C-alpha atoms as a PDB file:
ATOM      1  CA  UNK A   1       0.000   0.000   0.000  1.00  0.00           C
ATOM      2  CA  UNK A   2       2.852   2.399   0.794  1.00  0.00           C
ATOM      3  CA  UNK A   3       5.326   1.276  -1.864  1.00  0.00           C
ATOM      4  CA  UNK A   4       6.075   4.183  -4.193  1.00  0.00           C
ATOM      5  CA  UNK A   5       3.891   6.516  -2.104  1.00  0.00           C
ATOM      6  CA  UNK A   6       4.624   9.759  -0.245  1.00  0.00           C
ATOM      7  CA  UNK A   7       3.796   9.808   3.463  1.00  0.00           C
ATOM      8  CA  UNK A   8       3.830  12.838   5.783  1.00  0.00           C
ATOM      9  CA  UNK A   9       3.861  12.640   9.579  1.00  0.00           C
ATOM     10  CA  UNK A  10       3.120  15.710  11.662  1.00  0.00           C
ATOM     11  CA  UNK A  11       4.957  15.649  14.965  1.00  0.00           C
ATOM     12  CA  UNK A  12       7.156  13.043  13.330  1.00  0.00           C
ATOM     13  CA  UNK A  13      10.111  13.366  15.733  1.00  0.00           C
ATOM     14  CA  UNK A  14       8.077  11.962  18.632  1.00  0.00           C
ATOM     15  CA  UNK A  15       8.110   8.384  19.917  1.00  0.00           C
ATOM     16  CA  UNK A  16       5.398   7.243  17.514  1.00  0.00           C
ATOM     17  CA  UNK A  17       6.994   8.938  14.510  1.00  0.00           C
ATOM     18  CA  UNK A  18      10.377   7.311  15.089  1.00  0.00           C
ATOM     19  CA  UNK A  19       8.900   3.822  15.373  1.00  0.00           C
ATOM     20  CA  UNK A  20       6.607   4.454  12.395  1.00  0.00           C
ATOM     21  CA  UNK A  21       9.582   5.464  10.240  1.00  0.00           C
ATOM     22  CA  UNK A  22      11.524   2.411  11.337  1.00  0.00           C
ATOM     23  CA  UNK A  23       8.680   0.083  10.335  1.00  0.00           C
ATOM     24  CA  UNK A  24       8.016   1.895   7.040  1.00  0.00           C
ATOM     25  CA  UNK A  25      11.660   1.637   5.996  1.00  0.00           C
ATOM     26  CA  UNK A  26      11.874  -2.012   7.015  1.00  0.00           C
ATOM     27  CA  UNK A  27       8.668  -3.245   5.395  1.00  0.00           C
ATOM     28  CA  UNK A  28       7.954  -0.884   2.467  1.00  0.00           C
ATOM     29  CA  UNK A  29       9.671   1.099  -0.260  1.00  0.00           C
ATOM     30  CA  UNK A  30       8.060   4.546  -0.010  1.00  0.00           C
ATOM     31  CA  UNK A  31       8.791   7.300  -2.492  1.00  0.00           C
ATOM     32  CA  UNK A  32       9.063   9.938   0.241  1.00  0.00           C
ATOM     33  CA  UNK A  33       8.668  10.118   4.008  1.00  0.00           C
ATOM     34  CA  UNK A  34       8.216  13.681   5.228  1.00  0.00           C
ATOM     35  CA  UNK A  35       8.854  14.506   8.875  1.00  0.00           C
ATOM     36  CA  UNK A  36       6.936  17.687   9.699  1.00  0.00           C
ATOM     37  CA  UNK A  37       7.762  19.151  13.107  1.00  0.00           C
ATOM     38  CA  UNK A  38       8.927  22.366  14.742  1.00  0.00           C
ATOM     39  CA  UNK A  39      12.026  21.244  16.686  1.00  0.00           C
ATOM     40  CA  UNK A  40      15.209  21.507  14.620  1.00  0.00           C
ATOM     41  CA  UNK A  41      17.336  19.741  17.241  1.00  0.00           C
ATOM     42  CA  UNK A  42      15.050  16.691  17.318  1.00  0.00           C
ATOM     43  CA  UNK A  43      15.069  16.617  13.528  1.00  0.00           C
ATOM     44  CA  UNK A  44      18.878  16.824  13.475  1.00  0.00           C
ATOM     45  CA  UNK A  45      19.135  13.962  15.966  1.00  0.00           C
ATOM     46  CA  UNK A  46      16.581  11.876  14.064  1.00  0.00           C
ATOM     47  CA  UNK A  47      18.431  12.453  10.793  1.00  0.00           C
ATOM     48  CA  UNK A  48      21.539  10.847  12.273  1.00  0.00           C
ATOM     49  CA  UNK A  49      19.639   7.558  12.488  1.00  0.00           C
ATOM     50  CA  UNK A  50      17.100   7.844   9.665  1.00  0.00           C
ATOM     51  CA  UNK A  51      18.847   9.287   6.605  1.00  0.00           C
ATOM     52  CA  UNK A  52      17.470   7.057   3.849  1.00  0.00           C
ATOM     53  CA  UNK A  53      17.281   8.876   0.467  1.00  0.00           C
ATOM     54  CA  UNK A  54      13.483   8.932   0.736  1.00  0.00           C
ATOM     55  CA  UNK A  55      13.551  10.917   3.991  1.00  0.00           C
ATOM     56  CA  UNK A  56      12.614  14.615   4.026  1.00  0.00           C
ATOM     57  CA  UNK A  57      12.733  16.869   7.092  1.00  0.00           C
ATOM     58  CA  UNK A  58      10.416  19.896   7.115  1.00  0.00           C
ATOM     59  CA  UNK A  59      10.604  22.468   9.905  1.00  0.00           C
ATOM     60  CA  UNK A  60       7.070  23.654  10.480  1.00  0.00           C
ATOM     61  CA  UNK A  61       4.240  24.006  12.965  1.00  0.00           C
ATOM     62  CA  UNK A  62       0.689  22.722  12.448  1.00  0.00           C
ATOM     63  CA  UNK A  63      -0.443  26.204  13.489  1.00  0.00           C
ATOM     64  CA  UNK A  64       1.111  27.478  10.230  1.00  0.00           C
ATOM     65  CA  UNK A  65      -1.398  26.640   7.496  1.00  0.00           C
ATOM     66  CA  UNK A  66       0.749  27.987   4.651  1.00  0.00           C
ATOM     67  CA  UNK A  67       3.695  25.803   5.635  1.00  0.00           C
ATOM     68  CA  UNK A  68       1.441  22.738   5.854  1.00  0.00           C
ATOM     69  CA  UNK A  69       0.153  23.473   2.350  1.00  0.00           C
ATOM     70  CA  UNK A  70       3.747  23.507   1.075  1.00  0.00           C
ATOM     71  CA  UNK A  71       4.700  20.303   2.885  1.00  0.00           C
ATOM     72  CA  UNK A  72       1.660  18.316   1.686  1.00  0.00           C
ATOM     73  CA  UNK A  73       2.120  18.991  -2.014  1.00  0.00           C
ATOM     74  CA  UNK A  74       2.106  15.600  -3.758  1.00  0.00           C
ATOM     75  CA  UNK A  75       1.561  13.625  -0.517  1.00  0.00           C
ATOM     76  CA  UNK A  76      -0.551  10.436  -0.622  1.00  0.00           C
ATOM     77  CA  UNK A  77      -0.990   9.590   3.081  1.00  0.00           C
ATOM     78  CA  UNK A  78      -0.861  11.686   6.271  1.00  0.00           C
ATOM     79  CA  UNK A  79      -0.516  10.659   9.911  1.00  0.00           C
ATOM     80  CA  UNK A  80      -1.360  13.525  12.239  1.00  0.00           C
ATOM     81  CA  UNK A  81       0.606  12.883  15.432  1.00  0.00           C
ATOM     82  CA  UNK A  82       1.459  16.478  16.420  1.00  0.00           C
ATOM     83  CA  UNK A  83      -0.205  17.576  19.649  1.00  0.00           C
ATOM     84  CA  UNK A  84       0.316  19.354  22.922  1.00  0.00           C
ATOM     85  CA  UNK A  85      -0.061  16.369  25.263  1.00  0.00           C
ATOM     86  CA  UNK A  86       1.031  17.154  28.792  1.00  0.00           C
ATOM     87  CA  UNK A  87      -2.069  17.583  30.962  1.00  0.00           C
ATOM     88  CA  UNK A  88      -0.607  20.095  33.493  1.00  0.00           C
ATOM     89  CA  UNK A  89       0.960  22.217  30.718  1.00  0.00           C
ATOM     90  CA  UNK A  90      -2.362  22.299  28.873  1.00  0.00           C
ATOM     91  CA  UNK A  91      -4.222  23.404  32.016  1.00  0.00           C
ATOM     92  CA  UNK A  92      -1.708  26.197  32.633  1.00  0.00           C
ATOM     93  CA  UNK A  93      -1.504  27.288  28.971  1.00  0.00           C
ATOM     94  CA  UNK A  94      -5.020  26.608  27.679  1.00  0.00           C
ATOM     95  CA  UNK A  95      -4.951  28.770  24.546  1.00  0.00           C
ATOM     96  CA  UNK A  96      -1.656  27.258  23.430  1.00  0.00           C
ATOM     97  CA  UNK A  97      -3.199  23.801  23.715  1.00  0.00           C
ATOM     98  CA  UNK A  98      -6.261  24.929  21.745  1.00  0.00           C
ATOM     99  CA  UNK A  99      -4.105  26.526  19.018  1.00  0.00           C
ATOM    100  CA  UNK A 100      -2.106  23.335  18.477  1.00  0.00           C
ATOM    101  CA  UNK A 101      -4.698  20.617  19.037  1.00  0.00           C
ATOM    102  CA  UNK A 102      -7.784  22.249  17.492  1.00  0.00           C
ATOM    103  CA  UNK A 103      -6.633  24.976  15.118  1.00  0.00           C
ATOM    104  CA  UNK A 104      -3.724  22.746  14.090  1.00  0.00           C
ATOM    105  CA  UNK A 105      -6.149  19.916  13.295  1.00  0.00           C
ATOM    106  CA  UNK A 106      -8.222  22.268  11.142  1.00  0.00           C
ATOM    107  CA  UNK A 107      -5.087  23.312   9.243  1.00  0.00           C
ATOM    108  CA  UNK A 108      -4.100  19.690   8.605  1.00  0.00           C
ATOM    109  CA  UNK A 109      -7.589  18.978   7.243  1.00  0.00           C
ATOM    110  CA  UNK A 110      -7.596  21.986   4.911  1.00  0.00           C
ATOM    111  CA  UNK A 111      -4.091  21.244   3.637  1.00  0.00           C
ATOM    112  CA  UNK A 112      -4.942  17.581   3.011  1.00  0.00           C
ATOM    113  CA  UNK A 113      -8.084  18.456   1.045  1.00  0.00           C
ATOM    114  CA  UNK A 114      -6.301  21.098  -1.008  1.00  0.00           C
ATOM    115  CA  UNK A 115      -3.427  18.718  -1.778  1.00  0.00           C
ATOM    116  CA  UNK A 116      -5.793  15.828  -2.629  1.00  0.00           C
ATOM    117  CA  UNK A 117      -4.215  13.499  -0.093  1.00  0.00           C
ATOM    118  CA  UNK A 118      -5.743  10.011  -0.324  1.00  0.00           C
ATOM    119  CA  UNK A 119      -6.092   9.140   3.359  1.00  0.00           C
ATOM    120  CA  UNK A 120      -5.450  10.868   6.682  1.00  0.00           C
ATOM    121  CA  UNK A 121      -5.334   9.194  10.097  1.00  0.00           C
ATOM    122  CA  UNK A 122      -5.288  11.410  13.188  1.00  0.00           C
ATOM    123  CA  UNK A 123      -3.935   9.965  16.428  1.00  0.00           C
ATOM    124  CA  UNK A 124      -6.220  10.448  19.404  1.00  0.00           C
ATOM    125  CA  UNK A 125      -6.106   9.425  23.060  1.00  0.00           C
ATOM    126  CA  UNK A 126      -8.243   7.688  25.659  1.00  0.00           C
ATOM    127  CA  UNK A 127      -8.443  11.086  27.374  1.00  0.00           C
ATOM    128  CA  UNK A 128     -10.700  12.290  24.520  1.00  0.00           C
ATOM    129  CA  UNK A 129     -13.496   9.993  25.737  1.00  0.00           C
ATOM    130  CA  UNK A 130     -15.636  11.774  28.354  1.00  0.00           C
ATOM    131  CA  UNK A 131     -12.819  14.312  28.912  1.00  0.00           C
ATOM    132  CA  UNK A 132     -12.241  15.935  32.273  1.00  0.00           C
ATOM    133  CA  UNK A 133      -9.125  17.936  31.367  1.00  0.00           C
ATOM    134  CA  UNK A 134      -8.349  20.446  28.631  1.00  0.00           C
ATOM    135  CA  UNK A 135      -6.016  18.122  26.750  1.00  0.00           C
ATOM    136  CA  UNK A 136      -8.768  15.513  26.458  1.00  0.00           C
ATOM    137  CA  UNK A 137     -11.337  18.144  25.492  1.00  0.00           C
ATOM    138  CA  UNK A 138      -9.134  19.508  22.683  1.00  0.00           C
ATOM    139  CA  UNK A 139      -8.487  16.003  21.383  1.00  0.00           C
ATOM    140  CA  UNK A 140     -12.219  15.265  21.397  1.00  0.00           C
ATOM    141  CA  UNK A 141     -12.743  18.448  19.363  1.00  0.00           C
ATOM    142  CA  UNK A 142      -9.950  17.339  17.036  1.00  0.00           C
ATOM    143  CA  UNK A 143     -11.586  13.907  16.610  1.00  0.00           C
ATOM    144  CA  UNK A 144     -14.880  15.587  15.703  1.00  0.00           C
ATOM    145  CA  UNK A 145     -13.122  17.811  13.159  1.00  0.00           C
ATOM    146  CA  UNK A 146     -11.466  14.873  11.413  1.00  0.00           C
ATOM    147  CA  UNK A 147     -14.666  12.843  11.314  1.00  0.00           C
ATOM    148  CA  UNK A 148     -16.737  15.754   9.960  1.00  0.00           C
ATOM    149  CA  UNK A 149     -14.033  16.575   7.382  1.00  0.00           C
ATOM    150  CA  UNK A 150     -15.311  13.673   5.274  1.00  0.00           C
ATOM    151  CA  UNK A 151     -18.311  15.807   4.403  1.00  0.00           C
ATOM    152  CA  UNK A 152     -16.081  18.683   3.264  1.00  0.00           C
ATOM    153  CA  UNK A 153     -14.194  16.856   0.530  1.00  0.00           C
ATOM    154  CA  UNK A 154     -16.844  17.050  -2.189  1.00  0.00           C
ATOM    155  CA  UNK A 155     -15.765  14.985  -5.179  1.00  0.00           C
ATOM    156  CA  UNK A 156     -12.159  14.695  -3.952  1.00  0.00           C
ATOM    157  CA  UNK A 157     -10.699  11.337  -2.937  1.00  0.00           C
ATOM    158  CA  UNK A 158      -9.491  12.432   0.518  1.00  0.00           C
ATOM    159  CA  UNK A 159     -10.788  10.442   3.502  1.00  0.00           C
ATOM    160  CA  UNK A 160     -10.215  11.038   7.211  1.00  0.00           C
ATOM    161  CA  UNK A 161     -10.305   8.635  10.170  1.00  0.00           C
ATOM    162  CA  UNK A 162      -9.109   8.593  13.777  1.00  0.00           C
ATOM    163  CA  UNK A 163      -7.141   6.053  15.815  1.00  0.00           C
ATOM    164  CA  UNK A 164      -7.647   6.203  19.588  1.00  0.00           C
ATOM    165  CA  UNK A 165      -5.529   4.209  22.024  1.00  0.00           C
ATOM    166  CA  UNK A 166      -4.150   4.302  25.559  1.00  0.00           C
ATOM    167  CA  UNK A 167      -0.784   4.837  27.199  1.00  0.00           C
ATOM    168  CA  UNK A 168       2.174   3.937  25.001  1.00  0.00           C
ATOM    169  CA  UNK A 169       4.647   1.903  27.019  1.00  0.00           C
ATOM    170  CA  UNK A 170       8.023   3.653  27.333  1.00  0.00           C
ATOM    171  CA  UNK A 171       7.048   6.610  25.140  1.00  0.00           C
ATOM    172  CA  UNK A 172       8.724   9.911  25.956  1.00  0.00           C
ATOM    173  CA  UNK A 173       7.148  11.514  29.022  1.00  0.00           C
ATOM    174  CA  UNK A 174       5.260   8.365  30.064  1.00  0.00           C
ATOM    175  CA  UNK A 175       5.246   6.755  33.501  1.00  0.00           C
ATOM    176  CA  UNK A 176       7.826   3.974  32.947  1.00  0.00           C
ATOM    177  CA  UNK A 177      10.727   6.322  32.084  1.00  0.00           C
ATOM    178  CA  UNK A 178       9.587   8.531  34.978  1.00  0.00           C
ATOM    179  CA  UNK A 179       9.676   5.642  37.460  1.00  0.00           C
ATOM    180  CA  UNK A 180      13.056   4.490  36.128  1.00  0.00           C
ATOM    181  CA  UNK A 181      14.518   7.955  36.611  1.00  0.00           C
ATOM    182  CA  UNK A 182      13.267   8.051  40.199  1.00  0.00           C
ATOM    183  CA  UNK A 183      15.028   4.736  40.834  1.00  0.00           C
ATOM    184  CA  UNK A 184      18.246   5.971  39.190  1.00  0.00           C
ATOM    185  CA  UNK A 185      18.103   9.182  41.231  1.00  0.00           C
ATOM    186  CA  UNK A 186      18.008   7.181  44.443  1.00  0.00           C
ATOM    187  CA  UNK A 187      14.454   7.985  45.536  1.00  0.00           C
ATOM    188  CA  UNK A 188      13.228   5.853  48.414  1.00  0.00           C
ATOM    189  CA  UNK A 189       9.698   5.171  47.092  1.00  0.00           C
ATOM    190  CA  UNK A 190       7.545   5.378  43.980  1.00  0.00           C
ATOM    191  CA  UNK A 191       4.514   7.717  43.934  1.00  0.00           C
ATOM    192  CA  UNK A 192       1.151   6.088  43.114  1.00  0.00           C
ATOM    193  CA  UNK A 193      -1.869   8.345  42.779  1.00  0.00           C
ATOM    194  CA  UNK A 194      -4.430   5.677  43.790  1.00  0.00           C
ATOM    195  CA  UNK A 195      -4.081   1.961  44.661  1.00  0.00           C
ATOM    196  CA  UNK A 196      -6.871   1.006  42.225  1.00  0.00           C
ATOM    197  CA  UNK A 197      -5.828   3.217  39.306  1.00  0.00           C
ATOM    198  CA  UNK A 198      -5.691   1.446  35.920  1.00  0.00           C
ATOM    199  CA  UNK A 199      -4.565   2.391  32.438  1.00  0.00           C
ATOM    200  CA  UNK A 200      -4.724   0.866  28.956  1.00  0.00           C
ATOM    201  CA  UNK A 201      -1.265  -0.198  27.761  1.00  0.00           C
ATOM    202  CA  UNK A 202       0.082  -0.553  24.220  1.00  0.00           C
ATOM    203  CA  UNK A 203       3.621  -0.841  22.866  1.00  0.00           C
ATOM    204  CA  UNK A 204       4.929   1.496  20.188  1.00  0.00           C
ATOM    205  CA  UNK A 205       5.166  -1.369  17.708  1.00  0.00           C
ATOM    206  CA  UNK A 206       1.547  -2.373  18.389  1.00  0.00           C
ATOM    207  CA  UNK A 207       0.417   1.227  17.943  1.00  0.00           C
ATOM    208  CA  UNK A 208       2.247   1.555  14.620  1.00  0.00           C
ATOM    209  CA  UNK A 209       0.916  -1.781  13.366  1.00  0.00           C
ATOM    210  CA  UNK A 210      -2.639  -0.742  14.281  1.00  0.00           C
ATOM    211  CA  UNK A 211      -2.347   2.553  12.404  1.00  0.00           C
ATOM    212  CA  UNK A 212      -0.890   0.850   9.321  1.00  0.00           C
ATOM    213  CA  UNK A 213      -3.692  -1.731   9.299  1.00  0.00           C
ATOM    214  CA  UNK A 214      -6.354   0.946   9.602  1.00  0.00           C
ATOM    215  CA  UNK A 215      -5.171   2.701   6.445  1.00  0.00           C
ATOM    216  CA  UNK A 216      -6.328  -0.453   4.683  1.00  0.00           C
ATOM    217  CA  UNK A 217      -9.536  -0.733   6.689  1.00  0.00           C
ATOM    218  CA  UNK A 218     -10.781   2.842   6.675  1.00  0.00           C
ATOM    219  CA  UNK A 219     -13.657   4.172   4.609  1.00  0.00           C
ATOM    220  CA  UNK A 220     -13.600   7.593   6.257  1.00  0.00           C
ATOM    221  CA  UNK A 221     -15.244   8.755   9.476  1.00  0.00           C
ATOM    222  CA  UNK A 222     -14.396   5.861  11.785  1.00  0.00           C
ATOM    223  CA  UNK A 223     -12.758   6.116  15.195  1.00  0.00           C
ATOM    224  CA  UNK A 224     -10.684   2.928  15.523  1.00  0.00           C
ATOM    225  CA  UNK A 225     -10.010   1.586  19.033  1.00  0.00           C
ATOM    226  CA  UNK A 226      -7.710  -1.432  19.566  1.00  0.00           C
ATOM    227  CA  UNK A 227      -8.475  -4.167  22.074  1.00  0.00           C
ATOM    228  CA  UNK A 228      -5.465  -3.878  24.379  1.00  0.00           C
ATOM    229  CA  UNK A 229      -4.722  -4.897  27.977  1.00  0.00           C
ATOM    230  CA  UNK A 230      -5.115  -2.801  31.096  1.00  0.00           C
ATOM    231  CA  UNK A 231      -2.698  -2.595  33.979  1.00  0.00           C
ATOM    232  CA  UNK A 232      -2.911  -1.443  37.558  1.00  0.00           C
ATOM    233  CA  UNK A 233      -0.380   1.265  38.327  1.00  0.00           C
ATOM    234  CA  UNK A 234       0.682  -0.647  41.437  1.00  0.00           C
ATOM    235  CA  UNK A 235       1.572  -3.607  39.193  1.00  0.00           C
ATOM    236  CA  UNK A 236       3.515  -1.359  36.842  1.00  0.00           C
ATOM    237  CA  UNK A 237       5.534   0.073  39.728  1.00  0.00           C
ATOM    238  CA  UNK A 238       6.233  -3.469  40.935  1.00  0.00           C
ATOM    239  CA  UNK A 239       7.618  -4.360  37.494  1.00  0.00           C
ATOM    240  CA  UNK A 240       9.981  -1.366  37.438  1.00  0.00           C
ATOM    241  CA  UNK A 241      11.190  -1.596  41.044  1.00  0.00           C
ATOM    242  CA  UNK A 242       9.953  -4.723  42.872  1.00  0.00           C
ATOM    243  CA  UNK A 243      11.645  -3.858  46.155  1.00  0.00           C
ATOM    244  CA  UNK A 244      10.588  -0.222  46.283  1.00  0.00           C
ATOM    245  CA  UNK A 245       7.789   0.849  48.635  1.00  0.00           C
ATOM    246  CA  UNK A 246       4.882   2.683  47.041  1.00  0.00           C
ATOM    247  CA  UNK A 247       3.510   5.951  48.384  1.00  0.00           C
ATOM    248  CA  UNK A 248      -0.126   6.875  47.671  1.00  0.00           C
ATOM    249  CA  UNK A 249      -0.196  10.588  46.795  1.00  0.00           C
ATOM    250  CA  UNK A 250      -3.812  11.047  45.662  1.00  0.00           C
ATOM    251  CA  UNK A 251      -5.414  11.561  42.250  1.00  0.00           C
ATOM    252  CA  UNK A 252      -4.098  14.662  40.528  1.00  0.00           C
ATOM    253  CA  UNK A 253      -6.316  17.362  38.946  1.00  0.00           C
ATOM    254  CA  UNK A 254      -7.625  16.270  35.535  1.00  0.00           C
ATOM    255  CA  UNK A 255      -6.873  12.600  36.192  1.00  0.00           C
ATOM    256  CA  UNK A 256      -9.295   9.656  36.124  1.00  0.00           C
ATOM    257  CA  UNK A 257      -9.257   6.456  38.158  1.00  0.00           C
ATOM    258  CA  UNK A 258      -9.911   4.457  34.974  1.00  0.00           C
ATOM    259  CA  UNK A 259      -9.511   5.634  31.386  1.00  0.00           C
ATOM    260  CA  UNK A 260     -12.284   5.198  28.809  1.00  0.00           C
ATOM    261  CA  UNK A 261     -11.903   4.482  25.107  1.00  0.00           C
ATOM    262  CA  UNK A 262     -15.501   3.669  24.089  1.00  0.00           C
ATOM    263  CA  UNK A 263     -17.963   5.667  26.227  1.00  0.00           C
ATOM    264  CA  UNK A 264     -21.336   4.164  27.106  1.00  0.00           C
ATOM    265  CA  UNK A 265     -22.998   7.224  25.564  1.00  0.00           C
ATOM    266  CA  UNK A 266     -21.582   6.057  22.218  1.00  0.00           C
ATOM    267  CA  UNK A 267     -22.632   2.417  22.608  1.00  0.00           C
ATOM    268  CA  UNK A 268     -25.315   2.824  19.925  1.00  0.00           C
ATOM    269  CA  UNK A 269     -22.533   3.835  17.523  1.00  0.00           C
ATOM    270  CA  UNK A 270     -19.953   1.201  18.527  1.00  0.00           C
ATOM    271  CA  UNK A 271     -19.143  -1.916  16.513  1.00  0.00           C
ATOM    272  CA  UNK A 272     -17.234  -4.922  17.879  1.00  0.00           C
ATOM    273  CA  UNK A 273     -14.636  -6.391  15.497  1.00  0.00           C
ATOM    274  CA  UNK A 274     -12.256  -9.265  16.201  1.00  0.00           C
ATOM    275  CA  UNK A 275      -9.346  -7.224  17.555  1.00  0.00           C
ATOM    276  CA  UNK A 276     -10.757  -3.699  17.701  1.00  0.00           C
ATOM    277  CA  UNK A 277     -13.826  -1.516  18.083  1.00  0.00           C
ATOM    278  CA  UNK A 278     -15.111   1.111  15.687  1.00  0.00           C
ATOM    279  CA  UNK A 279     -17.075   4.143  16.862  1.00  0.00           C
ATOM    280  CA  UNK A 280     -19.204   5.188  13.893  1.00  0.00           C
ATOM    281  CA  UNK A 281     -19.898   8.842  13.057  1.00  0.00           C
ATOM    282  CA  UNK A 282     -22.824  10.620  14.668  1.00  0.00           C
ATOM    283  CA  UNK A 283     -23.471  12.440  11.374  1.00  0.00           C
ATOM    284  CA  UNK A 284     -24.555  11.131   7.985  1.00  0.00           C
ATOM    285  CA  UNK A 285     -22.081  10.973   5.122  1.00  0.00           C
ATOM    286  CA  UNK A 286     -22.781  11.157   1.437  1.00  0.00           C
ATOM    287  CA  UNK A 287     -19.971   8.721   0.592  1.00  0.00           C
ATOM    288  CA  UNK A 288     -20.723   5.919   3.084  1.00  0.00           C
ATOM    289  CA  UNK A 289     -23.259   4.946   5.737  1.00  0.00           C
ATOM    290  CA  UNK A 290     -22.662   1.283   6.723  1.00  0.00           C
ATOM    291  CA  UNK A 291     -19.453   0.608   8.646  1.00  0.00           C
ATOM    292  CA  UNK A 292     -20.226  -3.004   9.614  1.00  0.00           C
ATOM    293  CA  UNK A 293     -17.827  -4.243   6.915  1.00  0.00           C
ATOM    294  CA  UNK A 294     -14.520  -2.472   6.327  1.00  0.00           C
ATOM    295  CA  UNK A 295     -12.387  -2.373   3.196  1.00  0.00           C
ATOM    296  CA  UNK A 296     -10.482  -5.484   4.341  1.00  0.00           C
ATOM    297  CA  UNK A 297     -13.846  -7.340   4.431  1.00  0.00           C
ATOM    298  CA  UNK A 298     -13.727  -7.677   8.228  1.00  0.00           C
ATOM    299  CA  UNK A 299     -17.164  -7.566   9.826  1.00  0.00           C
ATOM    300  CA  UNK A 300     -18.287  -6.056  13.101  1.00  0.00           C
ATOM    301  CA  UNK A 301     -21.445  -6.322  15.143  1.00  0.00           C
ATOM    302  CA  UNK A 302     -23.176  -3.739  17.338  1.00  0.00           C
ATOM    303  CA  UNK A 303     -22.319  -3.823  21.039  1.00  0.00           C
ATOM    304  CA  UNK A 304     -24.994  -3.986  23.722  1.00  0.00           C
ATOM    305  CA  UNK A 305     -26.708  -0.771  24.762  1.00  0.00           C
ATOM    306  CA  UNK A 306     -24.734   0.855  27.578  1.00  0.00           C
ATOM    307  CA  UNK A 307     -21.489  -0.942  26.725  1.00  0.00           C
ATOM    308  CA  UNK A 308     -18.394   0.922  27.892  1.00  0.00           C
ATOM    309  CA  UNK A 309     -14.801  -0.045  27.192  1.00  0.00           C
ATOM    310  CA  UNK A 310     -12.709   1.270  30.048  1.00  0.00           C
ATOM    311  CA  UNK A 311      -9.449   0.214  31.666  1.00  0.00           C
ATOM    312  CA  UNK A 312     -11.262  -0.902  34.819  1.00  0.00           C
ATOM    313  CA  UNK A 313     -13.782  -3.279  33.201  1.00  0.00           C
ATOM    314  CA  UNK A 314     -11.358  -4.711  30.639  1.00  0.00           C
ATOM    315  CA  UNK A 315     -11.092  -8.489  30.174  1.00  0.00           C
ATOM    316  CA  UNK A 316      -7.371  -8.334  29.263  1.00  0.00           C
ATOM    317  CA  UNK A 317      -4.856  -7.553  32.004  1.00  0.00           C
ATOM    318  CA  UNK A 318      -1.103  -7.085  32.248  1.00  0.00           C
ATOM    319  CA  UNK A 319       0.675  -8.282  35.374  1.00  0.00           C
ATOM    320  CA  UNK A 320       4.159  -7.129  36.305  1.00  0.00           C
ATOM    321  CA  UNK A 321       5.476 -10.544  35.183  1.00  0.00           C
ATOM    322  CA  UNK A 322       3.876 -10.173  31.743  1.00  0.00           C
ATOM    323  CA  UNK A 323       5.165  -6.624  31.369  1.00  0.00           C
ATOM    324  CA  UNK A 324       8.724  -7.761  32.043  1.00  0.00           C
ATOM    325  CA  UNK A 325       8.366 -10.433  29.335  1.00  0.00           C
ATOM    326  CA  UNK A 326       7.419  -7.810  26.750  1.00  0.00           C
ATOM    327  CA  UNK A 327       9.768  -5.754  24.609  1.00  0.00           C
ATOM    328  CA  UNK A 328       8.612  -2.676  26.476  1.00  0.00           C
ATOM    329  CA  UNK A 329      10.961  -0.408  24.566  1.00  0.00           C
ATOM    330  CA  UNK A 330       9.597  -1.683  21.226  1.00  0.00           C
END
């Protein structure tokens, strides 16, 4: 699907972008891979490792519509990974979060339509489902923009979908590197916000594979949600430092006890596939209306009314033993 094609990744110097590039170069022969991001140092460092002739590095910000238009010229596929993601930073700098996560999403959509991109997948987060913090609220707005964009394309080929998943194990800024640094710094205990707190867990490789698969599945307008395991934060801390005591510090502002990926309010829109869920659009499209069979001929069935997929009621669980068996850096 990607052989001989041009692919652009916004926020491409992040954890997802690096793993995505690695997989693309290993498994496909793309015409061009464009890294679009605003940090020249991260691009310089990434170029030391990924300098294949097909690689292109564009300095730019998703807030800059004109620069996006330039970067997307001749592009076939777009992954929108750029976002302001840190919850406390978003709460303290709300307009900056809105400019990047909402206005930036609108700019990506307009540039993709103008450039006649074939398919766009925007990366979302479990925090966009029933959001209680600004980051989650902006990502929910972004999800709505990308879904509704399918009705803006007219006769053009461009289609937009969303991929929503949970915490990426060992990604930059996530809890595992944080716990490891505390251990290295000689801290006496690991902070746990609540003894019952759970989170969805996915590896970088699993996240990349899911996105790649959904380019083949998508018809435009779907929110794809993988079926992935949950983990208690106490178990995760035990995996990182088995002998360390754990200190309960209380749930922080904007934090949930359990994360949600398919809200019960959307159960009438949710389809159950073999290894994932699809949340169908709330609006009608002119190009497609039945999402029970995707373009790979996989079929889904409606979930029961009131169904909610959250990290507390999950049927798949990671223990600290299982986590240690995984390639958690992969």
